[in-house]
Amino acid sequence: LQREIPPDIQIQIGSQWWCLRRRTIEWIL
């Protein structure tokens, strides 16, 4: 039952302690 990763997304990994600009946060939302 393995599933596919969304094809246009390249999975990244790292620390959850980030600092993002307002423009980036609005894009994420």
PDB file of all heavy atoms in Angstrom:
ATOM      1  N   LEU A   1       0.820  -1.212   0.000  1.00  0.00           N
ATOM      2  CA  LEU A   1       0.000   0.000   0.000  1.00  0.00           C
ATOM      3  C   LEU A   1       0.853   1.261   0.000  1.00  0.00           C
ATOM      4  O   LEU A   1       0.423   2.317   0.460  1.00  0.00           O
ATOM      5  CB  LEU A   1      -0.926   0.000   1.228  1.00  0.00           C
ATOM      6  CG  LEU A   1      -1.960  -1.125   1.276  1.00  0.00           C
ATOM      7  CD1 LEU A   1      -2.771  -1.045   2.561  1.00  0.00           C
ATOM      8  CD2 LEU A   1      -2.885  -1.054   0.057  1.00  0.00           C
ATOM      9  N   GLN A   2       2.084   1.148  -0.510  1.00  0.00           N
ATOM     10  CA  GLN A   2       2.942   2.325  -0.598  1.00  0.00           C
ATOM     11  C   GLN A   2       2.289   3.377  -1.488  1.00  0.00           C
ATOM     12  O   GLN A   2       1.687   3.056  -2.507  1.00  0.00           O
ATOM     13  CB  GLN A   2       4.314   1.958  -1.188  1.00  0.00           C
ATOM     14  CG  GLN A   2       5.123   1.023  -0.310  1.00  0.00           C
ATOM     15  CD  GLN A   2       4.871  -0.443  -0.589  1.00  0.00           C
ATOM     16  OE1 GLN A   2       3.803  -0.779  -1.111  1.00  0.00           O
ATOM     17  NE2 GLN A   2       5.814  -1.290  -0.256  1.00  0.00           N
ATOM     18  N   ARG A   3       2.414   4.629  -1.103  1.00  0.00           N
ATOM     19  CA  ARG A   3       1.794   5.700  -1.881  1.00  0.00           C
ATOM     20  C   ARG A   3       2.862   6.546  -2.573  1.00  0.00           C
ATOM     21  O   ARG A   3       4.046   6.538  -2.190  1.00  0.00           O
ATOM     22  CB  ARG A   3       0.953   6.595  -0.973  1.00  0.00           C
ATOM     23  CG  ARG A   3       1.759   7.238   0.146  1.00  0.00           C
ATOM     24  CD  ARG A   3       0.914   8.151   0.971  1.00  0.00           C
ATOM     25  NE  ARG A   3       1.635   8.605   2.153  1.00  0.00           N
ATOM     26  CZ  ARG A   3       1.167   9.514   2.994  1.00  0.00           C
ATOM     27  NH1 ARG A   3      -0.015  10.053   2.792  1.00  0.00           N
ATOM     28  NH2 ARG A   3       1.867   9.871   4.059  1.00  0.00           N
ATOM     29  N   GLU A   4       2.417   7.293  -3.559  1.00  0.00           N
ATOM     30  CA  GLU A   4       3.318   8.161  -4.303  1.00  0.00           C
ATOM     31  C   GLU A   4       3.437   9.518  -3.608  1.00  0.00           C
ATOM     32  O   GLU A   4       2.457  10.033  -3.048  1.00  0.00           O
ATOM     33  CB  GLU A   4       2.797   8.371  -5.728  1.00  0.00           C
ATOM     34  CG  GLU A   4       2.756   7.100  -6.573  1.00  0.00           C
ATOM     35  CD  GLU A   4       4.156   6.579  -6.883  1.00  0.00           C
ATOM     36  OE1 GLU A   4       5.085   7.399  -6.977  1.00  0.00           O
ATOM     37  OE2 GLU A   4       4.299   5.345  -7.012  1.00  0.00           O
ATOM     38  N   ILE A   5       4.619  10.099  -3.680  1.00  0.00           N
ATOM     39  CA  ILE A   5       4.820  11.471  -3.228  1.00  0.00           C
ATOM     40  C   ILE A   5       4.279  12.396  -4.318  1.00  0.00           C
ATOM     41  O   ILE A   5       4.440  12.104  -5.505  1.00  0.00           O
ATOM     42  CB  ILE A   5       6.315  11.733  -2.979  1.00  0.00           C
ATOM     43  CG1 ILE A   5       6.821  10.837  -1.843  1.00  0.00           C
ATOM     44  CG2 ILE A   5       6.577  13.201  -2.660  1.00  0.00           C
ATOM     45  CD1 ILE A   5       8.320  10.830  -1.692  1.00  0.00           C
ATOM     46  N   PRO A   6       3.574  13.485  -3.974  1.00  0.00           N
ATOM     47  CA  PRO A   6       3.096  14.407  -5.014  1.00  0.00           C
ATOM     48  C   PRO A   6       4.209  14.716  -6.012  1.00  0.00           C
ATOM     49  O   PRO A   6       5.311  15.110  -5.613  1.00  0.00           O
ATOM     50  CB  PRO A   6       2.677  15.651  -4.211  1.00  0.00           C
ATOM     51  CG  PRO A   6       2.259  15.096  -2.886  1.00  0.00           C
ATOM     52  CD  PRO A   6       3.193  13.948  -2.619  1.00  0.00           C
ATOM     53  N   PRO A   7       3.972  14.534  -7.294  1.00  0.00           N
ATOM     54  CA  PRO A   7       5.043  14.534  -8.291  1.00  0.00           C
ATOM     55  C   PRO A   7       5.803  15.844  -8.443  1.00  0.00           C
ATOM     56  O   PRO A   7       6.979  15.841  -8.835  1.00  0.00           O
ATOM     57  CB  PRO A   7       4.313  14.177  -9.598  1.00  0.00           C
ATOM     58  CG  PRO A   7       2.872  14.506  -9.340  1.00  0.00           C
ATOM     59  CD  PRO A   7       2.655  14.254  -7.887  1.00  0.00           C
ATOM     60  N   ASP A   8       5.172  16.979  -8.134  1.00  0.00           N
ATOM     61  CA  ASP A   8       5.865  18.263  -8.310  1.00  0.00           C
ATOM     62  C   ASP A   8       6.529  18.747  -7.031  1.00  0.00           C
ATOM     63  O   ASP A   8       6.985  19.892  -6.960  1.00  0.00           O
ATOM     64  CB  ASP A   8       4.886  19.324  -8.818  1.00  0.00           C
ATOM     65  CG  ASP A   8       3.754  19.590  -7.825  1.00  0.00           C
ATOM     66  OD1 ASP A   8       3.399  18.650  -7.079  1.00  0.00           O
ATOM     67  OD2 ASP A   8       3.228  20.712  -7.809  1.00  0.00           O
ATOM     68  N   ILE A   9       6.580  17.888  -6.032  1.00  0.00           N
ATOM     69  CA  ILE A   9       7.160  18.263  -4.731  1.00  0.00           C
ATOM     70  C   ILE A   9       8.429  17.455  -4.493  1.00  0.00           C
ATOM     71  O   ILE A   9       8.411  16.220  -4.554  1.00  0.00           O
ATOM     72  CB  ILE A   9       6.156  18.006  -3.577  1.00  0.00           C
ATOM     73  CG1 ILE A   9       4.946  18.914  -3.709  1.00  0.00           C
ATOM     74  CG2 ILE A   9       6.833  18.206  -2.226  1.00  0.00           C
ATOM     75  CD1 ILE A   9       5.244  20.375  -3.507  1.00  0.00           C
ATOM     76  N   GLN A  10       9.528  18.141  -4.202  1.00  0.00           N
ATOM     77  CA  GLN A  10      10.765  17.467  -3.815  1.00  0.00           C
ATOM     78  C   GLN A  10      10.906  17.580  -2.302  1.00  0.00           C
ATOM     79  O   GLN A  10      11.114  18.678  -1.777  1.00  0.00           O
ATOM     80  CB  GLN A  10      11.970  18.104  -4.511  1.00  0.00           C
ATOM     81  CG  GLN A  10      13.279  17.369  -4.223  1.00  0.00           C
ATOM     82  CD  GLN A  10      14.454  17.994  -4.961  1.00  0.00           C
ATOM     83  OE1 GLN A  10      14.308  19.026  -5.606  1.00  0.00           O
ATOM     84  NE2 GLN A  10      15.610  17.370  -4.856  1.00  0.00           N
ATOM     85  N   ILE A  11      10.753  16.466  -1.610  1.00  0.00           N
ATOM     86  CA  ILE A  11      10.728  16.487  -0.145  1.00  0.00           C
ATOM     87  C   ILE A  11      12.075  16.924   0.409  1.00  0.00           C
ATOM     88  O   ILE A  11      13.137  16.435   0.010  1.00  0.00           O
ATOM     89  CB  ILE A  11      10.353  15.107   0.422  1.00  0.00           C
ATOM     90  CG1 ILE A  11       8.995  14.659  -0.135  1.00  0.00           C
ATOM     91  CG2 ILE A  11      10.314  15.151   1.947  1.00  0.00           C
ATOM     92  CD1 ILE A  11       7.841  15.543   0.256  1.00  0.00           C
ATOM     93  N   GLN A  12      12.017  17.864   1.334  1.00  0.00           N
ATOM     94  CA  GLN A  12      13.202  18.380   2.034  1.00  0.00           C
ATOM     95  C   GLN A  12      13.069  18.042   3.523  1.00  0.00           C
ATOM     96  O   GLN A  12      11.975  17.771   4.017  1.00  0.00           O
ATOM     97  CB  GLN A  12      13.312  19.891   1.854  1.00  0.00           C
ATOM     98  CG  GLN A  12      13.340  20.354   0.414  1.00  0.00           C
ATOM     99  CD  GLN A  12      14.657  20.067  -0.260  1.00  0.00           C
ATOM    100  OE1 GLN A  12      15.714  20.437   0.222  1.00  0.00           O
ATOM    101  NE2 GLN A  12      14.602  19.387  -1.410  1.00  0.00           N
ATOM    102  N   ILE A  13      14.190  18.107   4.217  1.00  0.00           N
ATOM    103  CA  ILE A  13      14.171  17.821   5.656  1.00  0.00           C
ATOM    104  C   ILE A  13      15.137  18.745   6.373  1.00  0.00           C
ATOM    105  O   ILE A  13      16.140  19.193   5.784  1.00  0.00           O
ATOM    106  CB  ILE A  13      14.532  16.345   5.943  1.00  0.00           C
ATOM    107  CG1 ILE A  13      14.255  15.994   7.408  1.00  0.00           C
ATOM    108  CG2 ILE A  13      15.985  16.033   5.555  1.00  0.00           C
ATOM    109  CD1 ILE A  13      14.271  14.505   7.709  1.00  0.00           C
ATOM    110  N   GLY A  14      14.833  19.064   7.623  1.00  0.00           N
ATOM    111  CA  GLY A  14      15.711  19.927   8.407  1.00  0.00           C
ATOM    112  C   GLY A  14      15.077  20.285   9.733  1.00  0.00           C
ATOM    113  O   GLY A  14      13.979  19.830  10.078  1.00  0.00           O
ATOM    114  N   SER A  15      15.770  21.106  10.477  1.00  0.00           N
ATOM    115  CA  SER A  15      15.301  21.540  11.785  1.00  0.00           C
ATOM    116  C   SER A  15      13.995  22.319  11.669  1.00  0.00           C
ATOM    117  O   SER A  15      13.761  23.051  10.711  1.00  0.00           O
ATOM    118  CB  SER A  15      16.367  22.430  12.439  1.00  0.00           C
ATOM    119  OG  SER A  15      15.825  23.119  13.555  1.00  0.00           O
ATOM    120  N   GLN A  16      13.119  22.156  12.660  1.00  0.00           N
ATOM    121  CA  GLN A  16      11.846  22.870  12.667  1.00  0.00           C
ATOM    122  C   GLN A  16      11.982  24.299  13.174  1.00  0.00           C
ATOM    123  O   GLN A  16      11.002  25.038  13.226  1.00  0.00           O
ATOM    124  CB  GLN A  16      10.798  22.130  13.503  1.00  0.00           C
ATOM    125  CG  GLN A  16      11.128  21.974  14.978  1.00  0.00           C
ATOM    126  CD  GLN A  16      11.876  20.702  15.285  1.00  0.00           C
ATOM    127  OE1 GLN A  16      12.912  20.418  14.683  1.00  0.00           O
ATOM    128  NE2 GLN A  16      11.367  19.929  16.226  1.00  0.00           N
ATOM    129  N   TRP A  17      13.192  24.710  13.533  1.00  0.00           N
ATOM    130  CA  TRP A  17      13.399  26.046  14.110  1.00  0.00           C
ATOM    131  C   TRP A  17      13.842  27.008  13.011  1.00  0.00           C
ATOM    132  O   TRP A  17      15.017  27.187  12.750  1.00  0.00           O
ATOM    133  CB  TRP A  17      14.400  25.972  15.258  1.00  0.00           C
ATOM    134  CG  TRP A  17      14.039  24.859  16.196  1.00  0.00           C
ATOM    135  CD1 TRP A  17      14.697  23.695  16.388  1.00  0.00           C
ATOM    136  CD2 TRP A  17      12.876  24.794  17.019  1.00  0.00           C
ATOM    137  NE1 TRP A  17      14.029  22.898  17.280  1.00  0.00           N
ATOM    138  CE2 TRP A  17      12.900  23.543  17.688  1.00  0.00           C
ATOM    139  CE3 TRP A  17      11.815  25.663  17.252  1.00  0.00           C
ATOM    140  CZ2 TRP A  17      11.903  23.144  18.565  1.00  0.00           C
ATOM    141  CZ3 TRP A  17      10.822  25.261  18.132  1.00  0.00           C
ATOM    142  CH2 TRP A  17      10.873  24.026  18.780  1.00  0.00           C
ATOM    143  N   TRP A  18      12.854  27.634  12.355  1.00  0.00           N
ATOM    144  CA  TRP A  18      13.113  28.474  11.203  1.00  0.00           C
ATOM    145  C   TRP A  18      12.766  29.926  11.490  1.00  0.00           C
ATOM    146  O   TRP A  18      12.086  30.263  12.470  1.00  0.00           O
ATOM    147  CB  TRP A  18      12.321  27.990   9.993  1.00  0.00           C
ATOM    148  CG  TRP A  18      10.903  27.533  10.241  1.00  0.00           C
ATOM    149  CD1 TRP A  18      10.452  26.244  10.256  1.00  0.00           C
ATOM    150  CD2 TRP A  18       9.749  28.353  10.507  1.00  0.00           C
ATOM    151  NE1 TRP A  18       9.096  26.202  10.506  1.00  0.00           N
ATOM    152  CE2 TRP A  18       8.634  27.485  10.656  1.00  0.00           C
ATOM    153  CE3 TRP A  18       9.541  29.731  10.618  1.00  0.00           C
ATOM    154  CZ2 TRP A  18       7.351  27.945  10.922  1.00  0.00           C
ATOM    155  CZ3 TRP A  18       8.253  30.200  10.892  1.00  0.00           C
ATOM    156  CH2 TRP A  18       7.179  29.309  11.050  1.00  0.00           C
ATOM    157  N   CYS A  19      13.222  30.809  10.579  1.00  0.00           N
ATOM    158  CA  CYS A  19      12.852  32.219  10.582  1.00  0.00           C
ATOM    159  C   CYS A  19      12.519  32.601   9.137  1.00  0.00           C
ATOM    160  O   CYS A  19      13.411  32.580   8.267  1.00  0.00           O
ATOM    161  CB  CYS A  19      13.982  33.086  11.127  1.00  0.00           C
ATOM    162  SG  CYS A  19      13.608  34.863  11.107  1.00  0.00           S
ATOM    163  N   LEU A  20      11.254  32.940   8.871  1.00  0.00           N
ATOM    164  CA  LEU A  20      10.784  33.193   7.512  1.00  0.00           C
ATOM    165  C   LEU A  20      10.220  34.609   7.387  1.00  0.00           C
ATOM    166  O   LEU A  20       9.641  35.155   8.332  1.00  0.00           O
ATOM    167  CB  LEU A  20       9.696  32.183   7.130  1.00  0.00           C
ATOM    168  CG  LEU A  20      10.084  30.698   7.217  1.00  0.00           C
ATOM    169  CD1 LEU A  20       8.883  29.821   6.889  1.00  0.00           C
ATOM    170  CD2 LEU A  20      11.255  30.376   6.303  1.00  0.00           C
ATOM    171  N   ARG A  21      10.404  35.172   6.203  1.00  0.00           N
ATOM    172  CA  ARG A  21       9.875  36.504   5.917  1.00  0.00           C
ATOM    173  C   ARG A  21       8.342  36.468   5.789  1.00  0.00           C
ATOM    174  O   ARG A  21       7.754  35.425   5.511  1.00  0.00           O
ATOM    175  CB  ARG A  21      10.487  37.045   4.625  1.00  0.00           C
ATOM    176  CG  ARG A  21      11.990  37.261   4.685  1.00  0.00           C
ATOM    177  CD  ARG A  21      12.546  37.464   3.293  1.00  0.00           C
ATOM    178  NE  ARG A  21      12.380  36.260   2.474  1.00  0.00           N
ATOM    179  CZ  ARG A  21      12.653  36.196   1.175  1.00  0.00           C
ATOM    180  NH1 ARG A  21      13.105  37.271   0.539  1.00  0.00           N
ATOM    181  NH2 ARG A  21      12.473  35.075   0.506  1.00  0.00           N
ATOM    182  N   ARG A  22       7.726  37.633   5.949  1.00  0.00           N
ATOM    183  CA  ARG A  22       6.267  37.710   5.882  1.00  0.00           C
ATOM    184  C   ARG A  22       5.759  37.230   4.525  1.00  0.00           C
ATOM    185  O   ARG A  22       4.781  36.484   4.453  1.00  0.00           O
ATOM    186  CB  ARG A  22       5.801  39.147   6.146  1.00  0.00           C
ATOM    187  CG  ARG A  22       4.281  39.249   6.201  1.00  0.00           C
ATOM    188  CD  ARG A  22       3.776  40.650   6.428  1.00  0.00           C
ATOM    189  NE  ARG A  22       2.364  40.606   6.787  1.00  0.00           N
ATOM    190  CZ  ARG A  22       1.889  40.532   8.021  1.00  0.00           C
ATOM    191  NH1 ARG A  22       2.723  40.502   9.037  1.00  0.00           N
ATOM    192  NH2 ARG A  22       0.587  40.482   8.249  1.00  0.00           N
ATOM    193  N   ARG A  23       6.431  37.626   3.458  1.00  0.00           N
ATOM    194  CA  ARG A  23       5.993  37.223   2.126  1.00  0.00           C
ATOM    195  C   ARG A  23       5.985  35.705   1.997  1.00  0.00           C
ATOM    196  O   ARG A  23       5.049  35.116   1.429  1.00  0.00           O
ATOM    197  CB  ARG A  23       6.925  37.837   1.080  1.00  0.00           C
ATOM    198  CG  ARG A  23       6.558  37.503  -0.361  1.00  0.00           C
ATOM    199  CD  ARG A  23       7.509  38.203  -1.311  1.00  0.00           C
ATOM    200  NE  ARG A  23       8.884  37.755  -1.101  1.00  0.00           N
ATOM    201  CZ  ARG A  23       9.942  38.327  -1.692  1.00  0.00           C
ATOM    202  NH1 ARG A  23       9.777  39.371  -2.487  1.00  0.00           N
ATOM    203  NH2 ARG A  23      11.157  37.859  -1.467  1.00  0.00           N
ATOM    204  N   THR A  24       6.991  35.053   2.533  1.00  0.00           N
ATOM    205  CA  THR A  24       7.066  33.592   2.464  1.00  0.00           C
ATOM    206  C   THR A  24       5.938  32.954   3.273  1.00  0.00           C
ATOM    207  O   THR A  24       5.304  31.991   2.829  1.00  0.00           O
ATOM    208  CB  THR A  24       8.439  33.112   2.985  1.00  0.00           C
ATOM    209  OG1 THR A  24       9.474  33.721   2.216  1.00  0.00           O
ATOM    210  CG2 THR A  24       8.553  31.599   2.902  1.00  0.00           C
ATOM    211  N   ILE A  25       5.681  33.495   4.443  1.00  0.00           N
ATOM    212  CA  ILE A  25       4.601  32.973   5.283  1.00  0.00           C
ATOM    213  C   ILE A  25       3.255  33.110   4.568  1.00  0.00           C
ATOM    214  O   ILE A  25       2.420  32.184   4.578  1.00  0.00           O
ATOM    215  CB  ILE A  25       4.575  33.718   6.640  1.00  0.00           C
ATOM    216  CG1 ILE A  25       5.753  33.258   7.527  1.00  0.00           C
ATOM    217  CG2 ILE A  25       3.252  33.492   7.359  1.00  0.00           C
ATOM    218  CD1 ILE A  25       5.674  31.831   8.003  1.00  0.00           C
ATOM    219  N   GLU A  26       3.030  34.243   3.929  1.00  0.00           N
ATOM    220  CA  GLU A  26       1.759  34.435   3.218  1.00  0.00           C
ATOM    221  C   GLU A  26       1.641  33.468   2.047  1.00  0.00           C
ATOM    222  O   GLU A  26       0.552  32.951   1.762  1.00  0.00           O
ATOM    223  CB  GLU A  26       1.655  35.889   2.755  1.00  0.00           C
ATOM    224  CG  GLU A  26       1.447  36.854   3.930  1.00  0.00           C
ATOM    225  CD  GLU A  26       1.506  38.318   3.515  1.00  0.00           C
ATOM    226  OE1 GLU A  26       1.999  38.600   2.385  1.00  0.00           O
ATOM    227  OE2 GLU A  26       1.082  39.181   4.316  1.00  0.00           O
ATOM    228  N   TRP A  27       2.745  33.210   1.344  1.00  0.00           N
ATOM    229  CA  TRP A  27       2.741  32.218   0.270  1.00  0.00           C
ATOM    230  C   TRP A  27       2.384  30.831   0.809  1.00  0.00           C
ATOM    231  O   TRP A  27       1.639  30.079   0.191  1.00  0.00           O
ATOM    232  CB  TRP A  27       4.096  32.175  -0.431  1.00  0.00           C
ATOM    233  CG  TRP A  27       4.343  33.311  -1.363  1.00  0.00           C
ATOM    234  CD1 TRP A  27       3.414  34.179  -1.875  1.00  0.00           C
ATOM    235  CD2 TRP A  27       5.612  33.702  -1.904  1.00  0.00           C
ATOM    236  NE1 TRP A  27       4.018  35.096  -2.697  1.00  0.00           N
ATOM    237  CE2 TRP A  27       5.369  34.830  -2.745  1.00  0.00           C
ATOM    238  CE3 TRP A  27       6.912  33.243  -1.776  1.00  0.00           C
ATOM    239  CZ2 TRP A  27       6.383  35.475  -3.443  1.00  0.00           C
ATOM    240  CZ3 TRP A  27       7.932  33.879  -2.474  1.00  0.00           C
ATOM    241  CH2 TRP A  27       7.670  34.979  -3.287  1.00  0.00           C
ATOM    242  N   ILE A  28       2.952  30.489   1.972  1.00  0.00           N
ATOM    243  CA  ILE A  28       2.678  29.175   2.572  1.00  0.00           C
ATOM    244  C   ILE A  28       1.198  29.058   2.925  1.00  0.00           C
ATOM    245  O   ILE A  28       0.557  28.030   2.657  1.00  0.00           O
ATOM    246  CB  ILE A  28       3.565  28.956   3.818  1.00  0.00           C
ATOM    247  CG1 ILE A  28       5.023  28.738   3.405  1.00  0.00           C
ATOM    248  CG2 ILE A  28       3.059  27.766   4.636  1.00  0.00           C
ATOM    249  CD1 ILE A  28       5.991  28.668   4.567  1.00  0.00           C
ATOM    250  N   LEU A  29       0.627  30.109   3.510  1.00  0.00           N
ATOM    251  CA  LEU A  29      -0.792  30.066   3.877  1.00  0.00           C
ATOM    252  C   LEU A  29      -1.678  29.948   2.631  1.00  0.00           C
ATOM    253  O   LEU A  29      -2.701  29.252   2.659  1.00  0.00           O
ATOM    254  CB  LEU A  29      -1.158  31.302   4.700  1.00  0.00           C
ATOM    255  CG  LEU A  29      -0.487  31.397   6.087  1.00  0.00           C
ATOM    256  CD1 LEU A  29      -0.920  32.670   6.797  1.00  0.00           C
ATOM    257  CD2 LEU A  29      -0.796  30.172   6.946  1.00  0.00           C
TER     258      LEU A  29
END
